[in-house]
N, C-alpha and C. Protein backbone atom coordinates (compact mmCIF):
# COMPACT_ATOMS: atom_id res chain seq x y z
N UNK A 1 45.63 -47.49 -45.65
CA UNK A 1 45.42 -46.23 -46.17
C UNK A 1 44.54 -45.65 -45.46
N UNK A 2 44.82 -43.97 -44.71
CA UNK A 2 43.71 -43.60 -44.33
C UNK A 2 42.78 -42.86 -45.29
N UNK A 3 41.59 -42.40 -44.49
CA UNK A 3 40.39 -41.81 -45.39
C UNK A 3 41.15 -40.54 -45.77
N UNK A 4 40.53 -39.85 -46.67
CA UNK A 4 40.94 -38.69 -47.10
C UNK A 4 39.88 -37.40 -46.43
N UNK A 5 40.77 -36.36 -45.83
CA UNK A 5 39.94 -35.58 -45.55
C UNK A 5 38.95 -34.54 -46.20
N UNK A 6 37.87 -34.26 -46.33
CA UNK A 6 37.21 -33.52 -46.97
C UNK A 6 37.29 -31.96 -46.70
N UNK A 7 37.70 -31.05 -47.56
CA UNK A 7 38.50 -29.66 -47.30
C UNK A 7 37.69 -28.75 -48.22
N UNK A 8 36.63 -27.97 -47.86
CA UNK A 8 36.20 -26.88 -48.40
C UNK A 8 37.28 -26.14 -49.58
N UNK A 9 36.81 -25.55 -50.82
CA UNK A 9 37.71 -25.28 -51.76
C UNK A 9 38.35 -23.73 -50.81
N UNK A 10 37.25 -23.06 -50.10
CA UNK A 10 37.72 -21.96 -49.21
C UNK A 10 38.21 -21.81 -48.14
N UNK A 11 38.25 -22.88 -47.32
CA UNK A 11 38.86 -23.31 -46.27
C UNK A 11 40.14 -22.79 -45.59
N UNK A 12 39.91 -22.08 -44.81
CA UNK A 12 41.25 -21.50 -44.04
C UNK A 12 41.05 -21.86 -42.40
N UNK A 13 42.05 -22.15 -41.88
CA UNK A 13 42.32 -22.37 -40.32
C UNK A 13 41.52 -21.07 -39.70
N UNK A 14 41.18 -21.56 -38.67
CA UNK A 14 40.40 -20.52 -37.84
C UNK A 14 40.76 -20.79 -36.49
N UNK A 15 40.83 -19.51 -35.54
CA UNK A 15 41.32 -19.76 -34.38
C UNK A 15 40.09 -20.54 -33.49
N UNK A 16 39.05 -20.08 -33.67
CA UNK A 16 38.00 -20.42 -33.06
C UNK A 16 37.57 -22.18 -33.32
N UNK A 17 38.61 -23.07 -33.80
CA UNK A 17 38.31 -24.44 -33.98
C UNK A 17 39.59 -24.94 -32.97
N UNK A 18 39.56 -26.13 -32.92
CA UNK A 18 40.29 -27.03 -31.97
C UNK A 18 41.75 -26.88 -32.95
N UNK A 19 42.81 -26.64 -32.14
CA UNK A 19 44.12 -26.57 -33.17
C UNK A 19 44.54 -28.04 -33.17
N UNK A 20 45.25 -27.74 -34.57
CA UNK A 20 45.63 -28.80 -35.07
C UNK A 20 44.46 -30.01 -35.48
N UNK A 21 43.43 -29.98 -35.71
CA UNK A 21 42.44 -30.50 -35.60
C UNK A 21 42.48 -31.22 -37.41
N UNK A 22 41.74 -32.37 -37.43
CA UNK A 22 41.89 -32.92 -38.90
C UNK A 22 42.12 -32.06 -39.71
N UNK A 23 40.93 -31.10 -39.94
CA UNK A 23 41.06 -30.07 -41.31
C UNK A 23 41.80 -29.49 -41.40
N UNK A 24 42.78 -28.84 -40.40
CA UNK A 24 43.78 -27.88 -40.27
C UNK A 24 44.96 -28.80 -40.86
N UNK A 25 45.34 -29.96 -40.41
CA UNK A 25 46.29 -30.80 -40.87
C UNK A 25 46.48 -31.43 -41.92
N UNK A 26 45.49 -31.16 -42.23
CA UNK A 26 45.14 -31.51 -44.10
C UNK A 26 45.64 -30.13 -44.97
N UNK A 27 44.79 -29.28 -44.26
CA UNK A 27 44.74 -28.07 -44.88
C UNK A 27 46.37 -27.62 -45.30
N UNK A 28 47.09 -27.46 -44.01
CA UNK A 28 48.95 -27.45 -44.30
C UNK A 28 49.62 -28.73 -44.75
N UNK A 29 48.83 -29.91 -44.90
CA UNK A 29 49.56 -30.91 -45.59
C UNK A 29 49.38 -30.83 -47.16
N UNK A 30 48.00 -30.01 -47.62
CA UNK A 30 48.09 -29.78 -48.90
C UNK A 30 48.91 -28.54 -49.28
N UNK A 31 48.98 -27.78 -48.39
CA UNK A 31 49.54 -26.55 -48.69
C UNK A 31 51.26 -26.56 -48.82
N UNK A 32 51.76 -27.62 -47.78
CA UNK A 32 53.24 -28.02 -47.95
C UNK A 32 53.66 -29.06 -49.39
N UNK A 33 52.67 -29.91 -49.60
CA UNK A 33 52.81 -30.76 -50.63
C UNK A 33 52.87 -29.74 -52.10
N UNK A 34 51.82 -28.55 -52.32
CA UNK A 34 51.66 -28.15 -53.55
C UNK A 34 53.00 -27.17 -53.39
N UNK A 35 53.42 -26.50 -52.27
CA UNK A 35 54.93 -25.68 -52.27
C UNK A 35 56.15 -26.66 -52.83
N UNK A 36 55.95 -28.06 -52.34
CA UNK A 36 56.98 -28.68 -52.54
C UNK A 36 57.05 -29.36 -54.20
N UNK A 37 55.73 -29.28 -54.64
CA UNK A 37 55.86 -29.58 -56.03
C UNK A 37 56.07 -28.29 -56.99
N UNK A 38 55.81 -27.23 -56.16
CA UNK A 38 56.39 -26.28 -57.06
C UNK A 38 57.69 -26.06 -57.50
N UNK A 39 58.48 -26.47 -56.27
CA UNK A 39 59.89 -26.15 -56.19
C UNK A 39 60.52 -27.15 -57.04
N UNK A 40 59.90 -28.23 -56.91
CA UNK A 40 60.88 -29.33 -57.64
C UNK A 40 60.46 -29.16 -59.16
N UNK A 41 59.29 -28.42 -59.62
CA UNK A 41 58.99 -28.15 -60.96
C UNK A 41 60.02 -27.18 -61.36
N UNK A 42 60.27 -26.04 -60.35
CA UNK A 42 61.26 -25.00 -60.87
C UNK A 42 62.63 -25.47 -60.79
N UNK A 43 62.67 -26.71 -60.04
CA UNK A 43 64.36 -27.15 -60.29
C UNK A 43 64.29 -27.87 -61.61
N UNK A 44 63.63 -28.57 -61.89
CA UNK A 44 63.71 -29.23 -63.06
C UNK A 44 63.97 -28.21 -64.30
N UNK A 45 63.06 -27.23 -64.08
CA UNK A 45 63.43 -26.06 -65.47
C UNK A 45 64.74 -25.43 -65.18
N UNK A 46 65.21 -25.37 -63.79
CA UNK A 46 66.43 -24.64 -63.85
C UNK A 46 67.76 -25.83 -64.45
N UNK A 47 67.47 -27.24 -64.04
CA UNK A 47 68.29 -27.99 -64.71
C UNK A 47 68.43 -27.77 -66.07
N UNK A 48 66.95 -27.87 -66.49
CA UNK A 48 67.00 -28.13 -68.39
C UNK A 48 67.83 -26.34 -68.99
N UNK A 49 67.65 -25.67 -67.72
CA UNK A 49 68.01 -24.28 -68.30
C UNK A 49 69.75 -24.12 -68.58
N UNK A 50 70.17 -25.01 -67.19
CA UNK A 50 71.67 -25.10 -67.12
C UNK A 50 72.31 -25.91 -68.36
N UNK A 51 71.44 -27.15 -68.92
CA UNK A 51 72.19 -27.54 -69.56
C UNK A 51 72.00 -27.25 -70.99
N UNK A 52 71.14 -26.65 -71.54
CA UNK A 52 70.83 -25.62 -72.50
C UNK A 52 71.87 -24.53 -72.64
N UNK A 53 72.53 -23.92 -71.24
CA UNK A 53 73.09 -22.93 -71.58
C UNK A 53 74.61 -23.29 -71.31
N UNK A 54 74.85 -24.90 -71.17
CA UNK A 54 76.26 -25.34 -71.32
C UNK A 54 77.05 -25.26 -72.42
N UNK A 55 76.80 -24.20 -73.56
CA UNK A 55 77.44 -24.36 -74.84
C UNK A 55 78.77 -23.52 -74.82
N UNK A 56 79.83 -23.53 -75.50
CA UNK A 56 81.19 -22.87 -75.50
C UNK A 56 80.50 -21.28 -75.97
N UNK A 57 80.68 -20.56 -75.31
CA UNK A 57 80.67 -18.87 -75.81
C UNK A 57 81.91 -18.48 -76.01
N UNK A 58 82.02 -17.78 -77.20
CA UNK A 58 83.71 -17.29 -77.68
C UNK A 58 84.00 -16.20 -76.87
N UNK A 59 83.05 -15.14 -76.67
CA UNK A 59 83.40 -13.94 -76.44
C UNK A 59 83.32 -14.04 -74.72
N UNK A 60 84.59 -13.32 -74.02
CA UNK A 60 84.85 -13.50 -73.04
C UNK A 60 84.17 -12.70 -71.83
N UNK A 61 83.21 -11.78 -72.57
CA UNK A 61 82.47 -10.98 -71.66
C UNK A 61 81.09 -11.62 -71.56
N UNK A 62 80.51 -12.28 -72.60
CA UNK A 62 79.53 -13.35 -72.67
C UNK A 62 79.58 -14.12 -71.70
N UNK A 63 80.89 -15.02 -71.94
CA UNK A 63 80.98 -16.27 -70.98
C UNK A 63 81.27 -16.09 -69.50
N UNK A 64 81.67 -14.74 -69.25
CA UNK A 64 81.70 -14.47 -68.05
C UNK A 64 80.42 -14.02 -67.31
N UNK A 65 79.30 -13.27 -68.06
CA UNK A 65 78.28 -12.96 -67.49
C UNK A 65 77.58 -14.42 -67.28
N UNK A 66 77.50 -15.24 -68.33
CA UNK A 66 76.92 -16.53 -68.65
C UNK A 66 77.54 -17.41 -67.28
N UNK A 67 78.42 -17.47 -66.61
CA UNK A 67 79.14 -18.05 -65.54
C UNK A 67 78.47 -17.21 -64.44
N UNK A 68 78.43 -16.16 -64.58
CA UNK A 68 77.61 -15.25 -63.21
C UNK A 68 75.90 -15.82 -63.28
N UNK A 69 75.37 -15.82 -63.87
CA UNK A 69 74.29 -16.25 -64.26
C UNK A 69 73.87 -17.88 -63.90
N UNK A 70 75.04 -18.88 -64.41
CA UNK A 70 74.97 -20.12 -63.88
C UNK A 70 75.19 -20.14 -62.36
N UNK A 71 75.90 -19.52 -61.71
CA UNK A 71 76.57 -19.78 -60.18
C UNK A 71 75.22 -18.98 -59.46
N UNK A 72 74.44 -18.14 -60.23
CA UNK A 72 73.41 -17.73 -59.36
C UNK A 72 72.05 -18.61 -59.47
N UNK A 73 71.98 -19.27 -60.71
CA UNK A 73 70.93 -20.37 -60.57
C UNK A 73 71.35 -21.29 -59.53
N UNK A 74 72.60 -22.01 -59.46
CA UNK A 74 72.99 -23.13 -58.83
C UNK A 74 72.94 -22.72 -57.29
N UNK A 75 73.10 -21.54 -56.98
CA UNK A 75 72.55 -21.14 -55.55
C UNK A 75 71.40 -21.36 -55.29
N UNK A 76 70.54 -20.58 -56.40
CA UNK A 76 69.04 -20.80 -56.19
C UNK A 76 68.56 -22.07 -55.78
N UNK A 77 69.10 -23.04 -56.76
CA UNK A 77 68.87 -24.52 -56.74
C UNK A 77 69.11 -24.91 -55.43
N UNK A 78 70.03 -24.46 -54.70
CA UNK A 78 70.44 -25.19 -53.58
C UNK A 78 69.53 -24.71 -52.21
N UNK A 79 69.41 -23.52 -52.39
CA UNK A 79 68.40 -23.03 -51.10
C UNK A 79 66.85 -23.65 -51.73
N UNK A 80 66.92 -23.87 -52.78
CA UNK A 80 65.36 -24.68 -53.16
C UNK A 80 65.57 -26.08 -52.29
N UNK A 81 66.68 -26.72 -52.87
CA UNK A 81 67.08 -27.89 -51.98
C UNK A 81 66.89 -28.26 -50.85
N UNK A 82 67.52 -27.14 -49.94
CA UNK A 82 67.27 -27.15 -48.66
C UNK A 82 65.88 -27.06 -48.10
N UNK A 83 65.06 -25.98 -48.83
CA UNK A 83 63.67 -25.48 -48.58
C UNK A 83 62.95 -27.06 -48.47
N UNK A 84 63.25 -27.78 -49.87
CA UNK A 84 62.14 -28.96 -49.88
C UNK A 84 62.75 -29.89 -48.68
N UNK A 85 63.85 -29.87 -48.19
CA UNK A 85 64.19 -30.72 -46.82
C UNK A 85 63.20 -30.22 -45.75
N UNK A 86 63.40 -28.92 -45.96
CA UNK A 86 62.56 -28.51 -44.63
C UNK A 86 61.06 -29.10 -44.66
N UNK A 87 60.44 -28.67 -46.10
CA UNK A 87 59.22 -29.16 -46.25
C UNK A 87 58.65 -30.21 -45.98
N UNK A 88 59.65 -31.52 -46.05
CA UNK A 88 59.45 -32.74 -45.82
C UNK A 88 59.63 -33.06 -44.44
N UNK A 89 60.80 -32.42 -43.65
CA UNK A 89 60.65 -32.43 -42.44
C UNK A 89 59.16 -32.06 -41.78
N UNK A 90 58.70 -30.96 -42.25
CA UNK A 90 57.25 -30.42 -41.67
C UNK A 90 56.32 -31.50 -41.94
N UNK A 91 56.33 -32.24 -42.89
CA UNK A 91 55.49 -33.16 -43.39
C UNK A 91 55.30 -34.20 -42.23
N UNK A 92 56.64 -34.88 -42.22
CA UNK A 92 56.92 -35.54 -40.98
C UNK A 92 56.33 -35.50 -39.88
N UNK A 93 56.69 -34.08 -39.47
CA UNK A 93 56.00 -33.67 -38.29
C UNK A 93 54.51 -33.61 -38.44
N UNK A 94 53.86 -33.44 -39.37
CA UNK A 94 52.41 -33.73 -39.16
C UNK A 94 51.73 -34.80 -39.31
N UNK A 95 52.70 -36.15 -39.84
CA UNK A 95 52.64 -37.43 -39.64
C UNK A 95 52.48 -37.93 -38.24
N UNK A 96 53.45 -37.07 -37.63
CA UNK A 96 53.60 -37.66 -35.94
C UNK A 96 53.20 -36.91 -35.17
N UNK A 97 52.34 -35.75 -35.46
CA UNK A 97 51.70 -34.95 -34.42
C UNK A 97 52.45 -33.90 -34.02
N UNK A 98 53.40 -33.64 -34.22
CA UNK A 98 54.26 -32.45 -33.83
C UNK A 98 54.23 -31.34 -34.57
N UNK A 99 53.45 -31.37 -35.48
CA UNK A 99 53.48 -30.00 -36.41
C UNK A 99 52.45 -28.95 -35.76
N UNK A 100 52.82 -27.74 -36.00
CA UNK A 100 52.22 -26.70 -35.42
C UNK A 100 52.60 -26.49 -33.78
N UNK A 101 53.30 -27.19 -33.15
CA UNK A 101 53.70 -26.50 -31.94
C UNK A 101 55.19 -26.67 -31.72
N UNK A 102 55.61 -25.46 -31.22
CA UNK A 102 56.84 -24.61 -30.97
C UNK A 102 58.08 -26.01 -30.50
N UNK A 103 58.95 -25.92 -31.22
CA UNK A 103 60.17 -26.97 -30.76
C UNK A 103 60.62 -26.78 -29.10
N UNK A 104 60.85 -25.40 -29.28
CA UNK A 104 61.44 -24.88 -28.01
C UNK A 104 60.29 -24.87 -26.55
N UNK A 105 59.34 -24.31 -27.06
CA UNK A 105 58.16 -24.37 -25.67
C UNK A 105 56.86 -25.47 -25.77
N UNK A 106 56.83 -25.83 -26.68
CA UNK A 106 55.95 -26.90 -27.05
C UNK A 106 54.54 -26.14 -27.24
N UNK A 107 54.56 -24.91 -27.23
CA UNK A 107 53.10 -23.85 -27.46
C UNK A 107 52.76 -23.89 -28.78
N UNK A 108 51.40 -23.87 -29.16
CA UNK A 108 50.88 -23.95 -30.15
C UNK A 108 51.63 -22.54 -31.24
N UNK A 109 52.21 -22.62 -32.22
CA UNK A 109 52.65 -21.73 -33.13
C UNK A 109 51.33 -21.07 -33.86
N UNK A 110 51.19 -19.96 -33.73
CA UNK A 110 50.19 -19.21 -34.57
C UNK A 110 49.38 -19.50 -36.00
N UNK A 111 48.44 -19.43 -36.29
CA UNK A 111 47.87 -20.19 -37.46
C UNK A 111 48.45 -19.37 -38.52
N UNK A 112 48.31 -18.25 -38.64
CA UNK A 112 48.90 -16.85 -39.05
C UNK A 112 50.17 -17.18 -39.83
N UNK A 113 50.90 -17.44 -38.62
CA UNK A 113 52.27 -17.68 -38.77
C UNK A 113 52.34 -19.08 -39.37
N UNK A 114 51.74 -20.32 -39.24
CA UNK A 114 52.06 -21.17 -39.93
C UNK A 114 51.46 -21.12 -41.67
N UNK A 115 50.32 -20.38 -41.75
CA UNK A 115 49.97 -20.22 -42.94
C UNK A 115 50.92 -19.21 -44.01
N UNK A 116 51.62 -18.45 -42.99
CA UNK A 116 52.43 -17.38 -44.06
C UNK A 116 53.80 -18.09 -44.17
N UNK A 117 54.16 -19.08 -43.25
CA UNK A 117 55.66 -19.76 -43.03
C UNK A 117 55.33 -21.25 -42.79
N UNK A 118 54.47 -22.10 -43.30
CA UNK A 118 54.40 -23.39 -43.04
C UNK A 118 55.48 -24.47 -42.55
N UNK A 119 56.62 -24.22 -42.71
CA UNK A 119 57.78 -24.61 -42.28
C UNK A 119 58.29 -24.25 -41.09
N UNK A 120 57.47 -23.05 -40.40
CA UNK A 120 57.66 -22.58 -39.36
C UNK A 120 58.12 -23.87 -37.97
N UNK A 121 59.07 -23.86 -37.12
CA UNK A 121 59.11 -24.75 -36.05
C UNK A 121 59.11 -24.00 -34.68
N UNK A 122 58.86 -22.94 -34.74
CA UNK A 122 58.98 -22.30 -33.20
C UNK A 122 57.68 -20.84 -33.64
N UNK A 123 57.57 -20.63 -32.34
CA UNK A 123 56.31 -19.43 -32.21
C UNK A 123 57.23 -17.87 -32.71
N UNK A 124 56.47 -17.47 -32.67
CA UNK A 124 57.12 -15.95 -33.21
C UNK A 124 58.14 -15.56 -31.79
N UNK A 125 57.80 -15.48 -30.60
CA UNK A 125 58.79 -15.21 -29.74
C UNK A 125 59.62 -15.95 -29.68
N UNK A 126 59.66 -17.24 -29.49
CA UNK A 126 60.90 -18.17 -29.57
C UNK A 126 61.70 -18.02 -30.75
N UNK A 127 61.43 -17.71 -31.70
CA UNK A 127 62.06 -17.12 -33.02
C UNK A 127 62.95 -16.25 -32.94
N UNK A 128 62.28 -15.28 -32.52
CA UNK A 128 63.33 -13.81 -32.15
C UNK A 128 63.99 -14.03 -31.01
N UNK A 129 63.88 -14.48 -29.83
CA UNK A 129 64.80 -15.03 -29.16
C UNK A 129 65.82 -15.57 -29.54
N UNK A 130 65.72 -16.78 -30.48
CA UNK A 130 66.61 -17.59 -30.90
C UNK A 130 67.24 -16.53 -31.64
N UNK A 131 67.15 -15.98 -32.46
CA UNK A 131 67.80 -15.09 -33.40
C UNK A 131 68.31 -13.68 -32.45
N UNK A 132 67.82 -13.47 -32.01
CA UNK A 132 68.90 -12.47 -30.69
C UNK A 132 70.13 -13.01 -30.19
N UNK A 133 69.54 -14.43 -29.65
CA UNK A 133 71.04 -14.85 -29.27
C UNK A 133 71.88 -15.42 -30.20
N UNK A 134 71.74 -15.90 -31.11
CA UNK A 134 72.27 -15.83 -32.54
C UNK A 134 73.09 -14.92 -32.72
N UNK A 135 72.55 -13.63 -33.20
CA UNK A 135 73.28 -12.50 -33.12
C UNK A 135 74.27 -11.90 -32.37
N UNK A 136 74.13 -12.17 -30.94
CA UNK A 136 74.74 -11.99 -29.72
C UNK A 136 75.92 -12.89 -30.00
N UNK A 137 75.88 -13.99 -30.37
CA UNK A 137 76.91 -15.13 -30.22
C UNK A 137 77.94 -14.76 -31.77
N UNK A 138 77.17 -14.39 -32.65
CA UNK A 138 77.91 -14.35 -33.75
C UNK A 138 78.54 -12.96 -33.83
N UNK A 139 78.38 -11.90 -33.13
CA UNK A 139 79.23 -10.99 -32.73
C UNK A 139 80.50 -10.85 -31.62
N UNK A 140 80.25 -12.02 -31.18
CA UNK A 140 81.60 -12.30 -29.72
C UNK A 140 83.06 -12.18 -30.74
């Protein structure tokens, strides 16, 4: 088991320190783990809510409304499940030393981008180019 990296409470990754040093990796690991835990807790609450609402509702309008709510909850839960998978992938990249580098160009992803979207796999420029290419192919 590796030693825990000390991280001050107010630590924020800075551009003037070596990219993806031990402290930055620990910062992003903690951020990803906390986000994942929050999503898993929300998912458990959603499941409890769905189980509680699985009662027979005699009024058709109420039943339709409840079915719509249930459908929305399930879609949200599916999005959260996909997000947890992306967080797990980011945690694996942290372990292998690939985290923080663009999967297209190999360039470092800006710390601001990673702080805002810790699951980012591309630099902003590469992401925009990818989205433009996707839009062109989708419009065909």
